[in-house]
Amino acid sequence: MNLHKIKKYSTSEIQEKLKKSKLDVLTNENDFLVKNLKKAG
C-alpha cells in the first residue's frame, strides 16, 4: 500500500515538473519570436 502511494505521488510530481518545463520552453520560444519580430519591424 505504501508503495502505491509513493508511486502515485512521484507520478504527479513528475507531471508537475513536465508542465513547468513545457511552460519554460514555450516562454523561451515566445521571447525568441518577439525579439525577431522587433528586429524585423
C-alpha atoms as a PDB file:
ATOM      1  CA  MET A   1       0.000   0.000   0.000  1.00  0.00           C
ATOM      2  CA  ASN A   2       2.799   2.439   0.820  1.00  0.00           C
ATOM      3  CA  LEU A   3       4.499   1.639  -2.470  1.00  0.00           C
ATOM      4  CA  HIS A   4       1.302   2.506  -4.308  1.00  0.00           C
ATOM      5  CA  LYS A   5       1.083   5.867  -2.529  1.00  0.00           C
ATOM      6  CA  ILE A   6       4.718   6.641  -3.304  1.00  0.00           C
ATOM      7  CA  LYS A   7       4.245   5.652  -6.937  1.00  0.00           C
ATOM      8  CA  LYS A   8       1.146   7.824  -7.240  1.00  0.00           C
ATOM      9  CA  TYR A   9       2.888  10.781  -5.603  1.00  0.00           C
ATOM     10  CA  SER A  10       6.002  10.520  -7.748  1.00  0.00           C
ATOM     11  CA  THR A  11       3.892  10.323 -10.910  1.00  0.00           C
ATOM     12  CA  SER A  12       2.008  13.509 -10.043  1.00  0.00           C
ATOM     13  CA  GLU A  13       5.304  15.169  -9.131  1.00  0.00           C
ATOM     14  CA  ILE A  14       6.793  14.200 -12.485  1.00  0.00           C
ATOM     15  CA  GLN A  15       3.723  15.519 -14.306  1.00  0.00           C
ATOM     16  CA  GLU A  16       4.044  18.821 -12.440  1.00  0.00           C
ATOM     17  CA  LYS A  17       7.698  19.115 -13.442  1.00  0.00           C
ATOM     18  CA  LEU A  18       6.797  18.347 -17.055  1.00  0.00           C
ATOM     19  CA  LYS A  19       4.157  21.090 -17.062  1.00  0.00           C
ATOM     20  CA  LYS A  20       6.675  23.578 -15.714  1.00  0.00           C
ATOM     21  CA  SER A  21       9.349  22.583 -18.231  1.00  0.00           C
ATOM     22  CA  LYS A  22       6.844  22.855 -21.102  1.00  0.00           C
ATOM     23  CA  LEU A  23       5.919  26.337 -19.903  1.00  0.00           C
ATOM     24  CA  ASP A  24       9.596  27.303 -19.771  1.00  0.00           C
ATOM     25  CA  VAL A  25      10.118  26.078 -23.330  1.00  0.00           C
ATOM     26  CA  LEU A  26       7.068  27.981 -24.568  1.00  0.00           C
ATOM     27  CA  THR A  27       8.219  31.140 -22.804  1.00  0.00           C
ATOM     28  CA  ASN A  28      11.671  30.854 -24.365  1.00  0.00           C
ATOM     29  CA  GLU A  29      10.168  30.334 -27.830  1.00  0.00           C
ATOM     30  CA  ASN A  30       7.875  33.334 -27.393  1.00  0.00           C
ATOM     31  CA  ASP A  31      10.783  35.520 -26.276  1.00  0.00           C
ATOM     32  CA  PHE A  32      12.743  34.430 -29.336  1.00  0.00           C
ATOM     33  CA  LEU A  33       9.837  35.188 -31.689  1.00  0.00           C
ATOM     34  CA  VAL A  34       9.213  38.596 -30.118  1.00  0.00           C
ATOM     35  CA  LYS A  35      12.883  39.543 -30.460  1.00  0.00           C
ATOM     36  CA  ASN A  36      12.880  38.529 -34.138  1.00  0.00           C
ATOM     37  CA  LEU A  37       9.683  40.481 -34.790  1.00  0.00           C
ATOM     38  CA  LYS A  38      11.150  43.575 -33.158  1.00  0.00           C
ATOM     39  CA  LYS A  39      14.259  43.304 -35.351  1.00  0.00           C
ATOM     40  CA  ALA A  40      12.160  42.917 -38.488  1.00  0.00           C
ATOM     41  CA  GLY A  41       9.755  45.681 -37.522  1.00  0.00           C
END
